[in-house]
Amino acid sequence: MFQKHHVMKKVTFKMYHTIALALLFPAMNLYSQDTKMSVSQDVKFENLLKEKRRINASITVNDRYKIQIYNGDSESSKKALNEFKKENADFDATIIFNTPTYKVWIGNFKTRIEAERNLLLLKKKYKNAFLIKPNK
């Protein structure tokens, strides 16, 4: 009889304890990661990221044709790139470093025909220009 009464006390205590927790728990204010945070970045940084994304998109060598118009040192490559961009704003153009030289690559052509058509036009000014085939 004593054991039965003792077990009943334990069950009753656990039941009251559970009910008390169930009633108190929703009443508590819970805050987890409720803080609002704002990050401010310099506009120049955002512009640099956009430019980098644009350049990265134009460097896809594996599936697109390019035209190389210059091969040389860093400063001369930058000069050739800037001159090209002034005259040809419609083309993607970038500098690729391949030890020990810098190369100026133009375009992002889907087909060989499109690339060759533009190569003929560019050869008028850039005599040493040639086609870069994609690595498929």
C-alpha atoms as a PDB file:
ATOM      1  CA  MET A   1       0.000   0.000   0.000  1.00  0.00           C
ATOM      2  CA  PHE A   2       2.849   2.331   0.895  1.00  0.00           C
ATOM      3  CA  GLN A   3       4.500   1.757  -2.494  1.00  0.00           C
ATOM      4  CA  LYS A   4       1.261   2.395  -4.365  1.00  0.00           C
ATOM      5  CA  HIS A   5       0.706   5.641  -2.460  1.00  0.00           C
ATOM      6  CA  HIS A   6       4.361   6.640  -3.050  1.00  0.00           C
ATOM      7  CA  VAL A   7       4.038   5.955  -6.811  1.00  0.00           C
ATOM      8  CA  MET A   8       0.802   7.973  -6.923  1.00  0.00           C
ATOM      9  CA  LYS A   9       2.593  10.892  -5.265  1.00  0.00           C
ATOM     10  CA  LYS A  10       5.351  10.736  -7.887  1.00  0.00           C
ATOM     11  CA  VAL A  11       2.837  10.569 -10.745  1.00  0.00           C
ATOM     12  CA  THR A  12       0.804  13.421  -9.292  1.00  0.00           C
ATOM     13  CA  PHE A  13       3.936  15.535  -8.743  1.00  0.00           C
ATOM     14  CA  LYS A  14       5.153  14.872 -12.318  1.00  0.00           C
ATOM     15  CA  MET A  15       1.702  15.666 -13.689  1.00  0.00           C
ATOM     16  CA  TYR A  16       1.514  19.000 -11.803  1.00  0.00           C
ATOM     17  CA  HIS A  17       5.071  19.792 -12.836  1.00  0.00           C
ATOM     18  CA  THR A  18       4.251  19.094 -16.514  1.00  0.00           C
ATOM     19  CA  ILE A  19       1.063  21.137 -16.393  1.00  0.00           C
ATOM     20  CA  ALA A  20       2.865  24.044 -14.716  1.00  0.00           C
ATOM     21  CA  LEU A  21       5.577  24.021 -17.392  1.00  0.00           C
ATOM     22  CA  ALA A  22       2.986  23.767 -20.164  1.00  0.00           C
ATOM     23  CA  LEU A  23       1.185  26.824 -18.806  1.00  0.00           C
ATOM     24  CA  LEU A  24       4.283  28.903 -18.122  1.00  0.00           C
ATOM     25  CA  PHE A  25       6.213  28.134 -21.284  1.00  0.00           C
ATOM     26  CA  PRO A  26       3.943  30.017 -23.738  1.00  0.00           C
ATOM     27  CA  ALA A  27       3.808  32.995 -21.387  1.00  0.00           C
ATOM     28  CA  MET A  28       7.580  33.466 -21.559  1.00  0.00           C
ATOM     29  CA  ASN A  29       8.906  35.839 -24.195  1.00  0.00           C
ATOM     30  CA  LEU A  30      11.397  33.962 -26.297  1.00  0.00           C
ATOM     31  CA  TYR A  31      13.958  35.907 -28.289  1.00  0.00           C
ATOM     32  CA  SER A  32      16.369  34.177 -30.593  1.00  0.00           C
ATOM     33  CA  GLN A  33      18.318  36.124 -33.189  1.00  0.00           C
ATOM     34  CA  ASP A  34      15.752  38.871 -33.200  1.00  0.00           C
ATOM     35  CA  THR A  35      18.338  41.634 -33.603  1.00  0.00           C
ATOM     36  CA  LYS A  36      18.172  43.668 -36.793  1.00  0.00           C
ATOM     37  CA  MET A  37      21.526  44.366 -38.358  1.00  0.00           C
ATOM     38  CA  SER A  38      22.394  46.587 -41.271  1.00  0.00           C
ATOM     39  CA  VAL A  39      25.645  46.442 -43.167  1.00  0.00           C
ATOM     40  CA  SER A  40      26.763  49.458 -45.104  1.00  0.00           C
ATOM     41  CA  GLN A  41      29.297  49.028 -47.873  1.00  0.00           C
ATOM     42  CA  ASP A  42      31.159  51.598 -49.835  1.00  0.00           C
ATOM     43  CA  VAL A  43      29.615  52.199 -53.267  1.00  0.00           C
ATOM     44  CA  LYS A  44      33.045  51.731 -54.832  1.00  0.00           C
ATOM     45  CA  PHE A  45      33.163  48.208 -53.412  1.00  0.00           C
ATOM     46  CA  GLU A  46      29.793  47.344 -54.979  1.00  0.00           C
ATOM     47  CA  ASN A  47      30.926  48.760 -58.322  1.00  0.00           C
ATOM     48  CA  LEU A  48      34.134  46.750 -58.140  1.00  0.00           C
ATOM     49  CA  LEU A  49      32.169  43.561 -57.441  1.00  0.00           C
ATOM     50  CA  LYS A  50      29.867  44.228 -60.410  1.00  0.00           C
ATOM     51  CA  GLU A  51      32.857  44.803 -62.689  1.00  0.00           C
ATOM     52  CA  LYS A  52      34.540  41.619 -61.439  1.00  0.00           C
ATOM     53  CA  ARG A  53      31.374  39.593 -62.078  1.00  0.00           C
ATOM     54  CA  ARG A  54      31.120  41.054 -65.586  1.00  0.00           C
ATOM     55  CA  ILE A  55      34.756  40.245 -66.311  1.00  0.00           C
ATOM     56  CA  ASN A  56      34.440  36.737 -64.923  1.00  0.00           C
ATOM     57  CA  ALA A  57      31.421  36.133 -67.130  1.00  0.00           C
ATOM     58  CA  SER A  58      33.386  37.213 -70.191  1.00  0.00           C
ATOM     59  CA  ILE A  59      36.380  34.968 -69.430  1.00  0.00           C
ATOM     60  CA  THR A  60      34.566  31.699 -70.076  1.00  0.00           C
ATOM     61  CA  VAL A  61      37.232  30.169 -72.300  1.00  0.00           C
ATOM     62  CA  ASN A  62      35.761  26.687 -72.332  1.00  0.00           C
ATOM     63  CA  ASP A  63      32.602  27.311 -74.328  1.00  0.00           C
ATOM     64  CA  ARG A  64      33.076  30.580 -76.223  1.00  0.00           C
ATOM     65  CA  TYR A  65      35.346  31.914 -78.946  1.00  0.00           C
ATOM     66  CA  LYS A  66      37.634  34.886 -78.236  1.00  0.00           C
ATOM     67  CA  ILE A  67      39.944  37.012 -80.336  1.00  0.00           C
ATOM     68  CA  GLN A  68      43.404  37.846 -79.040  1.00  0.00           C
ATOM     69  CA  ILE A  69      44.537  41.278 -80.210  1.00  0.00           C
ATOM     70  CA  TYR A  70      47.632  41.788 -78.056  1.00  0.00           C
ATOM     71  CA  ASN A  71      50.336  39.835 -76.260  1.00  0.00           C
ATOM     72  CA  GLY A  72      53.023  41.533 -74.146  1.00  0.00           C
ATOM     73  CA  ASP A  73      53.869  43.132 -70.812  1.00  0.00           C
ATOM     74  CA  SER A  74      51.396  44.421 -68.237  1.00  0.00           C
ATOM     75  CA  GLU A  75      51.521  48.135 -69.017  1.00  0.00           C
ATOM     76  CA  SER A  76      51.345  47.692 -72.787  1.00  0.00           C
ATOM     77  CA  SER A  77      48.418  45.295 -72.374  1.00  0.00           C
ATOM     78  CA  LYS A  78      46.530  47.818 -70.255  1.00  0.00           C
ATOM     79  CA  LYS A  79      47.190  50.497 -72.863  1.00  0.00           C
ATOM     80  CA  ALA A  80      46.004  48.221 -75.704  1.00  0.00           C
ATOM     81  CA  LEU A  81      42.878  47.282 -73.747  1.00  0.00           C
ATOM     82  CA  ASN A  82      41.993  50.915 -72.963  1.00  0.00           C
ATOM     83  CA  GLU A  83      42.498  51.976 -76.588  1.00  0.00           C
ATOM     84  CA  PHE A  84      40.339  49.111 -77.789  1.00  0.00           C
ATOM     85  CA  LYS A  85      37.551  49.883 -75.305  1.00  0.00           C
ATOM     86  CA  LYS A  86      37.475  53.556 -76.373  1.00  0.00           C
ATOM     87  CA  GLU A  87      36.856  52.565 -79.991  1.00  0.00           C
ATOM     88  CA  ASN A  88      34.761  49.421 -79.426  1.00  0.00           C
ATOM     89  CA  ALA A  89      32.412  49.807 -76.498  1.00  0.00           C
ATOM     90  CA  ASP A  90      30.150  47.000 -77.793  1.00  0.00           C
ATOM     91  CA  PHE A  91      32.752  44.260 -77.282  1.00  0.00           C
ATOM     92  CA  ASP A  92      33.692  42.524 -74.045  1.00  0.00           C
ATOM     93  CA  ALA A  93      37.421  42.871 -73.539  1.00  0.00           C
ATOM     94  CA  THR A  94      39.763  41.708 -70.796  1.00  0.00           C
ATOM     95  CA  ILE A  95      43.376  41.033 -69.940  1.00  0.00           C
ATOM     96  CA  ILE A  96      44.456  37.469 -69.279  1.00  0.00           C
ATOM     97  CA  PHE A  97      47.744  36.725 -67.541  1.00  0.00           C
ATOM     98  CA  ASN A  98      49.511  33.610 -68.723  1.00  0.00           C
ATOM     99  CA  THR A  99      53.057  33.470 -67.384  1.00  0.00           C
ATOM    100  CA  PRO A 100      55.098  35.415 -68.425  1.00  0.00           C
ATOM    101  CA  THR A 101      52.880  37.481 -70.719  1.00  0.00           C
ATOM    102  CA  TYR A 102      49.619  39.392 -70.639  1.00  0.00           C
ATOM    103  CA  LYS A 103      47.053  38.889 -73.371  1.00  0.00           C
ATOM    104  CA  VAL A 104      44.171  41.102 -74.431  1.00  0.00           C
ATOM    105  CA  TRP A 105      41.148  38.989 -75.367  1.00  0.00           C
ATOM    106  CA  ILE A 106      38.122  40.377 -77.121  1.00  0.00           C
ATOM    107  CA  GLY A 107      34.576  39.097 -77.395  1.00  0.00           C
ATOM    108  CA  ASN A 108      32.523  36.231 -76.124  1.00  0.00           C
ATOM    109  CA  PHE A 109      31.321  34.601 -79.343  1.00  0.00           C
ATOM    110  CA  LYS A 110      29.003  31.582 -79.363  1.00  0.00           C
ATOM    111  CA  THR A 111      29.832  30.432 -82.883  1.00  0.00           C
ATOM    112  CA  ARG A 112      32.998  30.230 -84.906  1.00  0.00           C
ATOM    113  CA  ILE A 113      31.334  32.065 -87.812  1.00  0.00           C
ATOM    114  CA  GLU A 114      30.508  35.034 -85.576  1.00  0.00           C
ATOM    115  CA  ALA A 115      34.060  35.081 -84.212  1.00  0.00           C
ATOM    116  CA  GLU A 116      35.661  34.867 -87.671  1.00  0.00           C
ATOM    117  CA  ARG A 117      33.451  37.666 -89.001  1.00  0.00           C
ATOM    118  CA  ASN A 118      34.623  39.940 -86.170  1.00  0.00           C
ATOM    119  CA  LEU A 119      38.234  38.761 -86.573  1.00  0.00           C
ATOM    120  CA  LEU A 120      38.217  40.004 -90.179  1.00  0.00           C
ATOM    121  CA  LEU A 121      37.053  43.432 -89.010  1.00  0.00           C
ATOM    122  CA  LEU A 122      39.598  43.600 -86.178  1.00  0.00           C
ATOM    123  CA  LYS A 123      42.526  42.493 -88.365  1.00  0.00           C
ATOM    124  CA  LYS A 124      42.287  45.811 -90.207  1.00  0.00           C
ATOM    125  CA  LYS A 125      43.710  47.542 -87.131  1.00  0.00           C
ATOM    126  CA  TYR A 126      45.225  44.649 -85.158  1.00  0.00           C
ATOM    127  CA  LYS A 127      47.322  42.785 -87.741  1.00  0.00           C
ATOM    128  CA  ASN A 128      48.409  40.031 -85.307  1.00  0.00           C
ATOM    129  CA  ALA A 129      44.897  39.275 -84.044  1.00  0.00           C
ATOM    130  CA  PHE A 130      43.851  35.621 -84.055  1.00  0.00           C
ATOM    131  CA  LEU A 131      41.012  33.373 -82.917  1.00  0.00           C
ATOM    132  CA  ILE A 132      41.026  31.599 -79.538  1.00  0.00           C
ATOM    133  CA  LYS A 133      39.098  28.326 -79.783  1.00  0.00           C
ATOM    134  CA  PRO A 134      37.068  27.047 -76.853  1.00  0.00           C
ATOM    135  CA  ASN A 135      38.339  23.978 -75.012  1.00  0.00           C
ATOM    136  CA  LYS A 136      35.513  21.466 -75.460  1.00  0.00           C
END
